[in-house]
N, C-alpha and C. Protein backbone atom coordinates (compact mmCIF):
# COMPACT_ATOMS: atom_id res chain seq x y z
N MET A 1 0.85 -1.19 0.00
CA MET A 1 0.00 0.00 0.00
C MET A 1 0.88 1.24 0.00
N ALA A 2 0.56 2.19 -0.89
CA ALA A 2 1.32 3.43 -0.98
C ALA A 2 1.15 4.26 0.28
N ALA A 3 2.14 5.11 0.54
CA ALA A 3 2.07 5.98 1.72
C ALA A 3 0.87 6.91 1.59
N PRO A 4 0.12 7.11 2.68
CA PRO A 4 -1.06 7.98 2.61
C PRO A 4 -0.67 9.45 2.45
N LEU A 5 -1.54 10.19 1.80
CA LEU A 5 -1.37 11.63 1.70
C LEU A 5 -1.91 12.31 2.95
N PRO A 6 -1.31 13.42 3.37
CA PRO A 6 -1.89 14.17 4.49
C PRO A 6 -3.20 14.82 4.08
N TRP A 7 -4.15 14.82 4.98
CA TRP A 7 -5.46 15.42 4.69
C TRP A 7 -5.30 16.92 4.53
N PRO A 8 -5.93 17.54 3.51
CA PRO A 8 -5.81 18.99 3.33
C PRO A 8 -6.33 19.74 4.57
N GLY A 9 -5.48 20.56 5.16
CA GLY A 9 -5.86 21.27 6.37
C GLY A 9 -7.00 22.24 6.18
N ILE A 10 -7.25 22.67 4.95
CA ILE A 10 -8.32 23.63 4.70
C ILE A 10 -9.69 22.97 4.78
N LEU A 11 -9.76 21.65 4.68
CA LEU A 11 -11.04 20.93 4.71
C LEU A 11 -11.36 20.54 6.15
N VAL A 12 -11.82 21.50 6.92
CA VAL A 12 -12.16 21.30 8.33
C VAL A 12 -13.63 20.93 8.44
N PRO A 13 -13.96 19.80 9.05
CA PRO A 13 -15.37 19.41 9.14
C PRO A 13 -16.15 20.27 10.13
N SER A 14 -17.40 20.52 9.82
CA SER A 14 -18.29 21.19 10.77
C SER A 14 -18.97 20.16 11.67
N ALA A 15 -18.96 18.91 11.25
CA ALA A 15 -19.48 17.81 12.06
C ALA A 15 -18.73 16.55 11.65
N GLU A 16 -18.51 15.66 12.61
CA GLU A 16 -17.80 14.42 12.31
C GLU A 16 -18.28 13.30 13.21
N ASP A 17 -18.20 12.10 12.69
CA ASP A 17 -18.58 10.90 13.43
C ASP A 17 -17.50 9.85 13.19
N TRP A 18 -16.75 9.53 14.25
CA TRP A 18 -15.72 8.49 14.18
C TRP A 18 -16.15 7.35 15.10
N SER A 19 -16.25 6.15 14.55
CA SER A 19 -16.72 5.02 15.35
C SER A 19 -16.13 3.73 14.82
N LEU A 20 -16.10 2.72 15.69
CA LEU A 20 -15.61 1.39 15.33
C LEU A 20 -16.79 0.50 14.95
N ARG A 21 -16.60 -0.31 13.93
CA ARG A 21 -17.63 -1.23 13.50
C ARG A 21 -17.03 -2.64 13.37
N GLY A 22 -17.82 -3.64 13.67
CA GLY A 22 -17.39 -5.02 13.50
C GLY A 22 -16.41 -5.49 14.55
N GLY A 23 -16.55 -5.01 15.79
CA GLY A 23 -15.60 -5.37 16.84
C GLY A 23 -15.99 -6.60 17.65
N THR A 24 -17.09 -7.26 17.28
CA THR A 24 -17.51 -8.46 18.01
C THR A 24 -17.86 -9.57 17.02
N ARG A 25 -17.80 -10.79 17.53
CA ARG A 25 -18.19 -11.96 16.74
C ARG A 25 -19.14 -12.81 17.57
N SER A 26 -20.08 -13.45 16.88
CA SER A 26 -21.09 -14.26 17.55
C SER A 26 -21.19 -15.62 16.89
N GLY A 27 -21.46 -16.64 17.72
CA GLY A 27 -21.69 -17.96 17.18
C GLY A 27 -23.14 -18.21 16.85
N GLY A 28 -23.96 -17.17 16.99
CA GLY A 28 -25.39 -17.31 16.72
C GLY A 28 -26.17 -17.62 17.99
N GLN A 29 -27.45 -17.53 17.89
CA GLN A 29 -28.32 -17.76 19.03
C GLN A 29 -28.64 -19.24 19.19
N SER A 30 -28.75 -19.66 20.46
CA SER A 30 -29.16 -21.02 20.76
C SER A 30 -30.69 -21.12 20.69
N PHE A 31 -31.21 -22.34 20.88
CA PHE A 31 -32.67 -22.52 20.88
C PHE A 31 -33.33 -21.73 22.00
N GLU A 32 -32.58 -21.51 23.10
CA GLU A 32 -33.12 -20.75 24.22
C GLU A 32 -32.99 -19.25 24.02
N GLY A 33 -32.35 -18.84 22.94
CA GLY A 33 -32.18 -17.41 22.67
C GLY A 33 -30.89 -16.84 23.23
N ASN A 34 -30.04 -17.68 23.83
CA ASN A 34 -28.77 -17.20 24.35
C ASN A 34 -27.79 -16.96 23.19
N GLU A 35 -26.94 -15.96 23.37
CA GLU A 35 -25.95 -15.64 22.34
C GLU A 35 -24.63 -15.26 23.01
N LEU A 36 -23.55 -15.89 22.58
CA LEU A 36 -22.23 -15.61 23.11
C LEU A 36 -21.50 -14.66 22.17
N LEU A 37 -21.12 -13.49 22.70
CA LEU A 37 -20.39 -12.50 21.92
C LEU A 37 -18.97 -12.37 22.46
N VAL A 38 -17.99 -12.29 21.57
CA VAL A 38 -16.60 -12.14 21.97
C VAL A 38 -15.99 -10.99 21.18
N ALA A 39 -14.99 -10.34 21.79
CA ALA A 39 -14.28 -9.27 21.11
C ALA A 39 -13.47 -9.84 19.96
N SER A 40 -13.36 -9.06 18.89
CA SER A 40 -12.67 -9.52 17.69
C SER A 40 -11.64 -8.48 17.25
N PRO A 41 -10.52 -8.93 16.67
CA PRO A 41 -9.53 -7.98 16.16
C PRO A 41 -9.91 -7.36 14.83
N THR A 42 -11.11 -7.65 14.33
CA THR A 42 -11.51 -7.17 13.01
C THR A 42 -12.21 -5.81 13.05
N ALA A 43 -12.27 -5.18 14.21
CA ALA A 43 -12.92 -3.86 14.29
C ALA A 43 -12.27 -2.89 13.31
N ARG A 44 -13.09 -2.09 12.67
CA ARG A 44 -12.62 -1.19 11.62
C ARG A 44 -13.21 0.19 11.83
N TRP A 45 -12.38 1.22 11.71
CA TRP A 45 -12.86 2.58 11.87
C TRP A 45 -13.68 3.01 10.66
N LYS A 46 -14.79 3.70 10.96
CA LYS A 46 -15.59 4.35 9.93
C LYS A 46 -15.79 5.81 10.34
N ALA A 47 -15.87 6.67 9.36
CA ALA A 47 -16.01 8.10 9.66
C ALA A 47 -16.94 8.75 8.66
N ALA A 48 -17.67 9.74 9.13
CA ALA A 48 -18.50 10.59 8.27
C ALA A 48 -18.13 12.03 8.59
N LEU A 49 -17.62 12.74 7.60
CA LEU A 49 -17.18 14.12 7.77
C LEU A 49 -18.09 15.04 6.96
N THR A 50 -18.67 16.03 7.63
CA THR A 50 -19.46 17.05 6.94
C THR A 50 -18.55 18.24 6.69
N ILE A 51 -18.29 18.53 5.42
CA ILE A 51 -17.31 19.56 5.04
C ILE A 51 -18.01 20.75 4.41
N PRO A 52 -17.97 21.92 5.08
CA PRO A 52 -18.48 23.13 4.41
C PRO A 52 -17.49 23.59 3.34
N ALA A 53 -17.98 23.86 2.17
CA ALA A 53 -17.12 24.30 1.07
C ALA A 53 -17.57 25.67 0.60
N PHE A 54 -16.80 26.68 0.93
CA PHE A 54 -17.09 28.04 0.45
C PHE A 54 -15.77 28.70 0.09
N GLY A 55 -15.78 29.41 -0.97
CA GLY A 55 -14.55 30.03 -1.46
C GLY A 55 -13.82 29.10 -2.42
N ARG A 56 -13.02 29.69 -3.25
CA ARG A 56 -12.32 28.96 -4.31
C ARG A 56 -11.44 27.85 -3.76
N ASP A 57 -10.62 28.15 -2.73
CA ASP A 57 -9.64 27.18 -2.26
C ASP A 57 -10.30 25.93 -1.68
N ARG A 58 -11.36 26.12 -0.89
CA ARG A 58 -12.03 24.97 -0.29
C ARG A 58 -12.74 24.12 -1.33
N VAL A 59 -13.43 24.77 -2.24
CA VAL A 59 -14.14 24.03 -3.28
C VAL A 59 -13.16 23.22 -4.12
N CYS A 60 -12.04 23.83 -4.49
CA CYS A 60 -11.04 23.12 -5.31
C CYS A 60 -10.41 21.97 -4.54
N ALA A 61 -10.11 22.19 -3.25
CA ALA A 61 -9.51 21.12 -2.44
C ALA A 61 -10.46 19.94 -2.31
N LEU A 62 -11.75 20.24 -2.13
CA LEU A 62 -12.74 19.17 -2.01
C LEU A 62 -12.89 18.42 -3.32
N ARG A 63 -12.92 19.14 -4.41
CA ARG A 63 -13.01 18.49 -5.73
C ARG A 63 -11.83 17.55 -5.94
N ARG A 64 -10.67 17.97 -5.49
CA ARG A 64 -9.46 17.14 -5.69
C ARG A 64 -9.55 15.83 -4.94
N VAL A 65 -9.91 15.89 -3.63
CA VAL A 65 -9.93 14.65 -2.85
C VAL A 65 -11.02 13.72 -3.36
N VAL A 66 -12.14 14.27 -3.82
CA VAL A 66 -13.21 13.42 -4.36
C VAL A 66 -12.77 12.81 -5.69
N ALA A 67 -12.07 13.57 -6.52
CA ALA A 67 -11.64 13.08 -7.83
C ALA A 67 -10.62 11.95 -7.69
N LEU A 68 -9.81 11.97 -6.63
CA LEU A 68 -8.82 10.91 -6.44
C LEU A 68 -9.47 9.58 -6.10
N GLY A 69 -10.67 9.63 -5.54
CA GLY A 69 -11.47 8.42 -5.38
C GLY A 69 -10.99 7.45 -4.31
N ARG A 70 -11.54 6.24 -4.37
CA ARG A 70 -11.27 5.23 -3.35
C ARG A 70 -9.86 4.69 -3.38
N SER A 71 -9.17 4.84 -4.51
CA SER A 71 -7.81 4.30 -4.61
C SER A 71 -6.80 5.10 -3.80
N GLN A 72 -7.16 6.34 -3.44
CA GLN A 72 -6.24 7.18 -2.68
C GLN A 72 -6.39 6.95 -1.18
N ILE A 73 -5.26 6.80 -0.49
CA ILE A 73 -5.23 6.62 0.96
C ILE A 73 -4.90 7.96 1.61
N TRP A 74 -5.61 8.25 2.72
CA TRP A 74 -5.43 9.52 3.41
C TRP A 74 -5.02 9.31 4.87
N SER A 75 -4.22 10.21 5.37
CA SER A 75 -3.86 10.23 6.79
C SER A 75 -4.72 11.30 7.45
N VAL A 76 -5.78 10.86 8.13
CA VAL A 76 -6.77 11.79 8.66
C VAL A 76 -7.34 11.22 9.95
N GLY A 77 -7.76 12.10 10.84
CA GLY A 77 -8.32 11.64 12.11
C GLY A 77 -9.27 12.66 12.70
N PRO A 78 -9.83 12.34 13.85
CA PRO A 78 -10.80 13.24 14.50
C PRO A 78 -10.12 14.44 15.13
N TYR A 79 -10.91 15.47 15.38
CA TYR A 79 -10.42 16.67 16.07
C TYR A 79 -10.47 16.39 17.57
N GLU A 80 -9.31 16.09 18.16
CA GLU A 80 -9.25 15.64 19.55
C GLU A 80 -8.61 16.63 20.51
N ARG A 81 -8.28 17.81 20.06
CA ARG A 81 -7.60 18.76 20.95
C ARG A 81 -8.35 19.01 22.25
N PRO A 82 -9.69 19.16 22.23
CA PRO A 82 -10.38 19.42 23.51
C PRO A 82 -10.31 18.25 24.48
N ARG A 83 -10.05 17.04 23.99
CA ARG A 83 -10.04 15.86 24.85
C ARG A 83 -8.65 15.29 25.07
N ALA A 84 -7.63 15.93 24.53
CA ALA A 84 -6.25 15.46 24.71
C ALA A 84 -5.82 15.59 26.18
N PRO A 85 -4.92 14.74 26.63
CA PRO A 85 -4.48 14.80 28.04
C PRO A 85 -3.43 15.89 28.27
N TRP A 86 -3.87 17.15 28.17
CA TRP A 86 -2.95 18.26 28.40
C TRP A 86 -2.53 18.30 29.87
N PRO A 87 -1.28 18.63 30.15
CA PRO A 87 -0.83 18.71 31.55
C PRO A 87 -1.44 19.91 32.26
N ILE A 88 -1.67 19.76 33.55
CA ILE A 88 -2.20 20.85 34.37
C ILE A 88 -1.05 21.53 35.09
N GLU A 89 -0.95 22.83 34.96
CA GLU A 89 0.09 23.60 35.62
C GLU A 89 -0.47 24.19 36.91
N PRO A 90 0.02 23.74 38.08
CA PRO A 90 -0.54 24.23 39.35
C PRO A 90 -0.45 25.74 39.52
N VAL A 91 0.66 26.33 39.05
CA VAL A 91 0.83 27.77 39.23
C VAL A 91 -0.19 28.54 38.39
N VAL A 92 -0.34 28.10 37.14
CA VAL A 92 -1.30 28.76 36.25
C VAL A 92 -2.72 28.40 36.64
N GLY A 93 -2.90 27.18 37.13
CA GLY A 93 -4.22 26.73 37.53
C GLY A 93 -5.06 26.23 36.38
N GLY A 94 -4.43 25.85 35.28
CA GLY A 94 -5.17 25.35 34.13
C GLY A 94 -4.30 24.49 33.25
N ALA A 95 -4.86 24.05 32.14
CA ALA A 95 -4.14 23.16 31.23
C ALA A 95 -3.14 23.94 30.39
N VAL A 96 -2.01 23.31 30.13
CA VAL A 96 -1.00 23.85 29.22
C VAL A 96 -1.16 23.14 27.88
N THR A 97 -1.41 23.90 26.83
CA THR A 97 -1.60 23.31 25.51
C THR A 97 -0.51 23.79 24.55
N ASP A 98 -0.59 23.30 23.32
CA ASP A 98 0.40 23.72 22.32
C ASP A 98 0.22 25.17 21.92
N ARG A 99 -0.84 25.83 22.38
CA ARG A 99 -1.07 27.24 22.08
C ARG A 99 -0.67 28.15 23.25
N THR A 100 -0.16 27.55 24.32
CA THR A 100 0.29 28.35 25.46
C THR A 100 1.58 29.08 25.07
N PRO A 101 1.62 30.40 25.23
CA PRO A 101 2.82 31.14 24.82
C PRO A 101 4.02 30.83 25.71
N GLY A 102 5.21 30.95 25.12
CA GLY A 102 6.45 30.81 25.86
C GLY A 102 6.88 29.40 26.18
N LEU A 103 6.36 28.40 25.46
CA LEU A 103 6.72 27.01 25.73
C LEU A 103 8.12 26.70 25.20
N ALA A 104 8.92 26.02 26.03
CA ALA A 104 10.24 25.61 25.59
C ALA A 104 10.20 24.29 24.84
N GLN A 105 9.15 23.49 25.07
CA GLN A 105 9.01 22.20 24.40
C GLN A 105 7.52 21.85 24.34
N PRO A 106 7.14 20.95 23.45
CA PRO A 106 5.72 20.57 23.35
C PRO A 106 5.22 20.02 24.68
N PRO A 107 3.99 20.33 25.06
CA PRO A 107 3.47 19.89 26.36
C PRO A 107 3.11 18.41 26.43
N LEU A 108 2.99 17.75 25.27
CA LEU A 108 2.65 16.32 25.24
C LEU A 108 3.81 15.52 24.69
N ALA A 109 4.16 14.44 25.39
CA ALA A 109 5.19 13.51 24.92
C ALA A 109 4.84 12.14 25.47
N PHE A 110 4.20 11.32 24.62
CA PHE A 110 3.82 9.95 24.98
C PHE A 110 4.45 8.99 23.98
N SER A 111 4.78 7.79 24.44
CA SER A 111 5.36 6.78 23.56
C SER A 111 5.03 5.40 24.10
N LEU A 112 5.29 4.40 23.28
CA LEU A 112 5.08 3.01 23.70
C LEU A 112 6.19 2.63 24.67
N MET A 113 5.80 2.15 25.85
CA MET A 113 6.78 1.86 26.90
C MET A 113 7.50 0.54 26.67
N LEU A 114 6.79 -0.46 26.15
CA LEU A 114 7.36 -1.79 25.91
C LEU A 114 7.01 -2.22 24.49
N ASP A 115 7.81 -3.15 23.96
CA ASP A 115 7.46 -3.72 22.66
C ASP A 115 6.05 -4.29 22.72
N ALA A 116 5.31 -4.14 21.63
CA ALA A 116 3.94 -4.66 21.58
C ALA A 116 3.75 -5.42 20.28
N ALA A 117 3.04 -6.54 20.37
CA ALA A 117 2.83 -7.40 19.21
C ALA A 117 1.49 -7.09 18.56
N ALA A 118 1.40 -7.44 17.28
CA ALA A 118 0.14 -7.29 16.56
C ALA A 118 -0.96 -8.07 17.27
N ASN A 119 -2.15 -7.51 17.27
CA ASN A 119 -3.34 -8.07 17.91
C ASN A 119 -3.32 -7.95 19.43
N ALA A 120 -2.38 -7.14 19.96
CA ALA A 120 -2.39 -6.88 21.41
C ALA A 120 -3.61 -6.04 21.75
N ALA A 121 -4.33 -6.45 22.80
CA ALA A 121 -5.51 -5.72 23.24
C ALA A 121 -5.19 -4.77 24.39
N ALA A 122 -3.95 -4.78 24.85
CA ALA A 122 -3.51 -3.88 25.92
C ALA A 122 -2.05 -3.53 25.67
N ILE A 123 -1.68 -2.30 25.98
CA ILE A 123 -0.30 -1.84 25.80
C ILE A 123 0.11 -1.01 27.02
N ALA A 124 1.41 -0.76 27.12
CA ALA A 124 1.95 0.11 28.17
C ALA A 124 2.40 1.41 27.54
N ILE A 125 1.88 2.53 28.02
CA ILE A 125 2.20 3.85 27.50
C ILE A 125 3.12 4.58 28.47
N ARG A 126 4.16 5.17 27.93
CA ARG A 126 5.07 5.98 28.73
C ARG A 126 4.72 7.46 28.56
N ARG A 127 4.57 8.14 29.68
CA ARG A 127 4.30 9.57 29.64
C ARG A 127 5.54 10.32 30.12
N ASP A 128 6.12 11.13 29.25
CA ASP A 128 7.19 12.04 29.65
C ASP A 128 6.63 13.41 30.00
N ARG A 129 5.64 13.85 29.21
CA ARG A 129 4.94 15.10 29.49
C ARG A 129 3.48 14.93 29.09
N GLY A 130 2.61 15.37 29.95
CA GLY A 130 1.19 15.27 29.63
C GLY A 130 0.35 15.07 30.88
N GLY A 131 -0.95 14.96 30.69
CA GLY A 131 -1.88 14.79 31.79
C GLY A 131 -2.32 13.35 31.96
N LEU A 132 -3.32 13.15 32.80
CA LEU A 132 -3.82 11.82 33.10
C LEU A 132 -4.57 11.25 31.90
N LEU A 133 -4.44 9.94 31.72
CA LEU A 133 -5.17 9.25 30.66
C LEU A 133 -6.52 8.80 31.19
N ALA A 134 -7.48 8.67 30.27
CA ALA A 134 -8.84 8.29 30.67
C ALA A 134 -9.48 7.47 29.56
N PRO A 135 -10.35 6.53 29.93
CA PRO A 135 -11.09 5.79 28.92
C PRO A 135 -11.88 6.73 28.01
N GLY A 136 -11.88 6.40 26.74
CA GLY A 136 -12.57 7.23 25.76
C GLY A 136 -11.63 8.12 24.96
N MET A 137 -10.39 8.30 25.42
CA MET A 137 -9.43 9.11 24.67
C MET A 137 -8.97 8.35 23.43
N ILE A 138 -8.89 9.05 22.32
CA ILE A 138 -8.41 8.47 21.06
C ILE A 138 -6.97 8.90 20.84
N PHE A 139 -6.15 7.96 20.39
CA PHE A 139 -4.77 8.28 20.06
C PHE A 139 -4.39 7.54 18.78
N SER A 140 -3.25 7.93 18.21
CA SER A 140 -2.75 7.20 17.05
C SER A 140 -1.32 6.76 17.29
N ILE A 141 -1.00 5.61 16.74
CA ILE A 141 0.35 5.05 16.82
C ILE A 141 0.58 4.22 15.57
N GLY A 142 1.72 4.43 14.94
CA GLY A 142 2.01 3.70 13.72
C GLY A 142 1.03 3.94 12.60
N GLY A 143 0.43 5.13 12.56
CA GLY A 143 -0.51 5.45 11.49
C GLY A 143 -1.88 4.83 11.66
N ARG A 144 -2.21 4.37 12.88
CA ARG A 144 -3.51 3.75 13.15
C ARG A 144 -4.17 4.42 14.36
N LEU A 145 -5.49 4.49 14.32
CA LEU A 145 -6.26 5.07 15.41
C LEU A 145 -6.66 3.99 16.41
N HIS A 146 -6.65 4.36 17.70
CA HIS A 146 -7.09 3.47 18.77
C HIS A 146 -7.80 4.29 19.83
N VAL A 147 -8.68 3.66 20.58
CA VAL A 147 -9.37 4.32 21.68
C VAL A 147 -9.08 3.56 22.96
N ILE A 148 -8.82 4.28 24.04
CA ILE A 148 -8.61 3.67 25.34
C ILE A 148 -9.97 3.25 25.91
N VAL A 149 -10.09 1.97 26.27
CA VAL A 149 -11.35 1.48 26.84
C VAL A 149 -11.23 1.17 28.33
N GLY A 150 -10.01 1.27 28.87
CA GLY A 150 -9.83 1.04 30.30
C GLY A 150 -8.36 1.13 30.67
N LEU A 151 -8.10 1.36 31.95
CA LEU A 151 -6.73 1.38 32.47
C LEU A 151 -6.46 0.04 33.15
N THR A 152 -5.32 -0.58 32.84
CA THR A 152 -4.96 -1.86 33.44
C THR A 152 -3.99 -1.70 34.59
N THR A 153 -3.41 -0.51 34.75
CA THR A 153 -2.57 -0.18 35.91
C THR A 153 -2.94 1.22 36.39
N ALA A 154 -2.46 1.57 37.56
CA ALA A 154 -2.70 2.93 38.06
C ALA A 154 -1.91 3.93 37.24
N ASP A 155 -2.51 5.10 37.04
CA ASP A 155 -1.84 6.19 36.33
C ASP A 155 -1.01 6.96 37.34
N PRO A 156 0.33 7.07 37.12
CA PRO A 156 1.19 7.74 38.12
C PRO A 156 0.78 9.19 38.38
N THR A 157 0.65 9.53 39.66
CA THR A 157 0.28 10.89 40.05
C THR A 157 1.14 11.34 41.21
N ASP A 158 1.21 12.64 41.38
CA ASP A 158 1.90 13.21 42.54
C ASP A 158 1.01 13.05 43.77
N PRO A 159 1.51 12.45 44.85
CA PRO A 159 0.66 12.22 46.03
C PRO A 159 0.08 13.50 46.62
N ALA A 160 0.80 14.59 46.51
CA ALA A 160 0.36 15.83 47.14
C ALA A 160 -0.72 16.54 46.31
N SER A 161 -0.48 16.63 45.00
CA SER A 161 -1.39 17.41 44.14
C SER A 161 -2.39 16.54 43.38
N GLY A 162 -2.09 15.27 43.22
CA GLY A 162 -2.94 14.40 42.41
C GLY A 162 -2.78 14.60 40.92
N LEU A 163 -1.79 15.42 40.51
CA LEU A 163 -1.56 15.68 39.09
C LEU A 163 -0.64 14.62 38.49
N ALA A 164 -0.69 14.49 37.19
CA ALA A 164 0.09 13.47 36.49
C ALA A 164 1.58 13.75 36.60
N ILE A 165 2.35 12.68 36.71
CA ILE A 165 3.81 12.76 36.71
C ILE A 165 4.34 11.79 35.66
N PRO A 166 5.61 11.95 35.23
CA PRO A 166 6.16 11.01 34.24
C PRO A 166 6.13 9.59 34.77
N GLY A 167 5.88 8.66 33.86
CA GLY A 167 5.83 7.25 34.24
C GLY A 167 5.06 6.45 33.22
N GLY A 168 4.81 5.20 33.56
CA GLY A 168 4.12 4.30 32.65
C GLY A 168 2.74 3.93 33.16
N VAL A 169 1.82 3.70 32.23
CA VAL A 169 0.46 3.30 32.58
C VAL A 169 -0.02 2.28 31.54
N GLY A 170 -0.63 1.22 32.02
CA GLY A 170 -1.18 0.21 31.13
C GLY A 170 -2.60 0.56 30.73
N VAL A 171 -2.92 0.36 29.46
CA VAL A 171 -4.26 0.67 28.97
C VAL A 171 -4.77 -0.48 28.10
N ALA A 172 -6.07 -0.73 28.18
CA ALA A 172 -6.74 -1.62 27.24
C ALA A 172 -7.25 -0.79 26.09
N ILE A 173 -7.13 -1.31 24.87
CA ILE A 173 -7.43 -0.51 23.68
C ILE A 173 -8.35 -1.28 22.73
N ARG A 174 -9.02 -0.54 21.89
CA ARG A 174 -9.75 -1.06 20.75
C ARG A 174 -9.51 -0.10 19.60
N PRO A 175 -9.33 -0.55 18.38
CA PRO A 175 -9.16 -1.95 18.03
C PRO A 175 -7.82 -2.49 18.51
N TRP A 176 -7.61 -3.78 18.36
CA TRP A 176 -6.34 -4.38 18.73
C TRP A 176 -5.24 -3.84 17.80
N LEU A 177 -4.01 -3.92 18.25
CA LEU A 177 -2.90 -3.38 17.45
C LEU A 177 -2.87 -4.01 16.07
N ARG A 178 -2.58 -3.21 15.07
CA ARG A 178 -2.56 -3.68 13.69
C ARG A 178 -1.22 -4.30 13.29
N ALA A 179 -0.14 -4.00 14.05
CA ALA A 179 1.19 -4.47 13.66
C ALA A 179 2.09 -4.55 14.88
N ASP A 180 3.22 -5.23 14.74
CA ASP A 180 4.23 -5.23 15.79
C ASP A 180 4.85 -3.84 15.87
N LEU A 181 4.99 -3.33 17.09
CA LEU A 181 5.55 -1.99 17.28
C LEU A 181 6.61 -2.03 18.37
N PRO A 182 7.76 -1.37 18.14
CA PRO A 182 8.83 -1.38 19.14
C PRO A 182 8.62 -0.34 20.23
N ALA A 183 9.23 -0.56 21.36
CA ALA A 183 9.21 0.43 22.44
C ALA A 183 9.78 1.75 21.93
N GLY A 184 9.18 2.84 22.38
CA GLY A 184 9.63 4.17 21.95
C GLY A 184 8.86 4.73 20.78
N THR A 185 7.96 3.93 20.17
CA THR A 185 7.15 4.46 19.06
C THR A 185 6.28 5.60 19.57
N PRO A 186 6.32 6.76 18.92
CA PRO A 186 5.54 7.92 19.40
C PRO A 186 4.04 7.67 19.36
N ILE A 187 3.33 8.25 20.31
CA ILE A 187 1.88 8.17 20.41
C ILE A 187 1.33 9.59 20.40
N ALA A 188 0.35 9.85 19.53
CA ALA A 188 -0.22 11.19 19.39
C ALA A 188 -1.62 11.22 19.97
N PHE A 189 -1.85 12.14 20.90
CA PHE A 189 -3.18 12.35 21.48
C PHE A 189 -3.81 13.65 21.00
N ASP A 190 -2.99 14.66 20.68
CA ASP A 190 -3.54 15.97 20.32
C ASP A 190 -4.04 16.02 18.89
N ALA A 191 -3.38 15.32 17.99
CA ALA A 191 -3.79 15.31 16.58
C ALA A 191 -3.63 13.90 16.02
N PRO A 192 -4.42 12.94 16.52
CA PRO A 192 -4.29 11.56 16.04
C PRO A 192 -4.78 11.42 14.60
N VAL A 193 -4.10 10.58 13.83
CA VAL A 193 -4.51 10.33 12.45
C VAL A 193 -4.46 8.83 12.18
N GLY A 194 -5.37 8.38 11.33
CA GLY A 194 -5.40 7.00 10.91
C GLY A 194 -5.29 6.90 9.40
N THR A 195 -5.18 5.68 8.91
CA THR A 195 -5.07 5.43 7.47
C THR A 195 -6.46 5.11 6.94
N MET A 196 -7.00 6.02 6.15
CA MET A 196 -8.40 5.92 5.72
C MET A 196 -8.51 6.08 4.20
N ARG A 197 -9.65 5.56 3.68
CA ARG A 197 -10.01 5.79 2.27
C ARG A 197 -11.51 5.99 2.18
N PHE A 198 -11.96 6.49 1.03
CA PHE A 198 -13.40 6.68 0.83
C PHE A 198 -14.11 5.34 0.88
N ALA A 199 -15.32 5.34 1.45
CA ALA A 199 -16.09 4.11 1.56
C ALA A 199 -16.72 3.72 0.23
N SER A 200 -16.96 4.70 -0.63
CA SER A 200 -17.55 4.40 -1.93
C SER A 200 -17.11 5.46 -2.93
N ASP A 201 -17.31 5.16 -4.19
CA ASP A 201 -16.89 6.09 -5.24
C ASP A 201 -17.82 7.29 -5.38
N ASP A 202 -19.04 7.18 -4.86
CA ASP A 202 -19.99 8.27 -5.06
C ASP A 202 -20.12 9.16 -3.82
N THR A 203 -19.19 9.05 -2.87
CA THR A 203 -19.23 9.91 -1.70
C THR A 203 -18.73 11.31 -2.06
N GLY A 204 -19.17 12.30 -1.31
CA GLY A 204 -18.65 13.65 -1.50
C GLY A 204 -19.34 14.48 -2.55
N ALA A 205 -20.60 14.15 -2.87
CA ALA A 205 -21.34 14.98 -3.84
C ALA A 205 -21.47 16.40 -3.30
N LEU A 206 -21.15 17.38 -4.13
CA LEU A 206 -21.14 18.78 -3.70
C LEU A 206 -22.16 19.56 -4.52
N ASP A 207 -23.22 20.00 -3.85
CA ASP A 207 -24.26 20.80 -4.50
C ASP A 207 -24.00 22.26 -4.16
N LEU A 208 -23.44 22.99 -5.11
CA LEU A 208 -23.07 24.38 -4.87
C LEU A 208 -24.27 25.30 -5.05
N GLN A 209 -24.61 26.02 -3.98
CA GLN A 209 -25.69 27.00 -4.06
C GLN A 209 -25.16 28.27 -4.76
N LEU A 210 -25.91 28.72 -5.76
CA LEU A 210 -25.49 29.88 -6.55
C LEU A 210 -24.10 29.67 -7.16
N SER A 211 -23.71 28.40 -7.30
CA SER A 211 -22.41 28.02 -7.86
C SER A 211 -21.24 28.53 -7.02
N ARG A 212 -21.50 28.79 -5.73
CA ARG A 212 -20.45 29.38 -4.90
C ARG A 212 -20.13 28.59 -3.63
N TYR A 213 -21.13 28.07 -2.96
CA TYR A 213 -20.87 27.41 -1.67
C TYR A 213 -21.82 26.23 -1.49
N GLY A 214 -21.40 25.31 -0.64
CA GLY A 214 -22.22 24.14 -0.38
C GLY A 214 -21.60 23.30 0.74
N THR A 215 -22.18 22.12 0.96
CA THR A 215 -21.71 21.21 1.98
C THR A 215 -21.68 19.79 1.42
N ALA A 216 -20.61 19.09 1.73
CA ALA A 216 -20.47 17.70 1.26
C ALA A 216 -20.24 16.79 2.44
N THR A 217 -20.75 15.57 2.37
CA THR A 217 -20.51 14.56 3.39
C THR A 217 -19.60 13.49 2.82
N LEU A 218 -18.47 13.27 3.49
CA LEU A 218 -17.50 12.28 3.05
C LEU A 218 -17.54 11.09 3.98
N ASP A 219 -17.76 9.90 3.43
CA ASP A 219 -17.76 8.66 4.21
C ASP A 219 -16.43 7.94 3.97
N LEU A 220 -15.74 7.63 5.08
CA LEU A 220 -14.44 6.98 4.99
C LEU A 220 -14.43 5.70 5.82
N VAL A 221 -13.54 4.77 5.43
CA VAL A 221 -13.33 3.54 6.19
C VAL A 221 -11.82 3.34 6.34
N GLU A 222 -11.44 2.59 7.36
CA GLU A 222 -10.02 2.32 7.57
C GLU A 222 -9.47 1.49 6.42
N ALA A 223 -8.28 1.85 5.96
CA ALA A 223 -7.64 1.18 4.82
C ALA A 223 -6.52 0.27 5.29
N PHE A 224 -6.38 -0.84 4.60
CA PHE A 224 -5.33 -1.82 4.92
C PHE A 224 -4.54 -2.17 3.67
């Protein structure tokens, strides 16, 4: 598979839906109506992006991505800045983000703490800089999106303040890892991206009002 293209930054969605599909398997119902469901590594990300298109640059950018069709792979993900684990600065009394003036280094630095094998349902994350992790947070690693569904170890905190400190924390994730990954692989929480393609060739129809502006809905699925 060819390397994915970065998603055009000008195409900012006004609404988005990122969700996992096909994450369970069933052997069917018994005569009594009982059904056994188990987690499966086949979960696949699906997304629906509503893109407002107004002005020459946005309309042209949207036309381009639609014209490239399903054969083109994109590196794109949800807007997660409001839910990223930004560190809390006790002196300031609030979160430190990448938009905080006067930063000497990025406020987030997470990586894989130990080697992890493909199909792992839990990993160890090392935090050098950042805030507490929580179930529901989405991150990307190795060009794939994952969501934290639970903590398997305690998240290191300062006993006095209760704020996050550097250290390692185990997390359960969905979907399962797509590939073997070595310790030290960077993990992105502020701007996670996955490998996606259009779900169909007819997605992204753009009805321009007065031939000037409109809105298109793009349906994407995870690409392999």
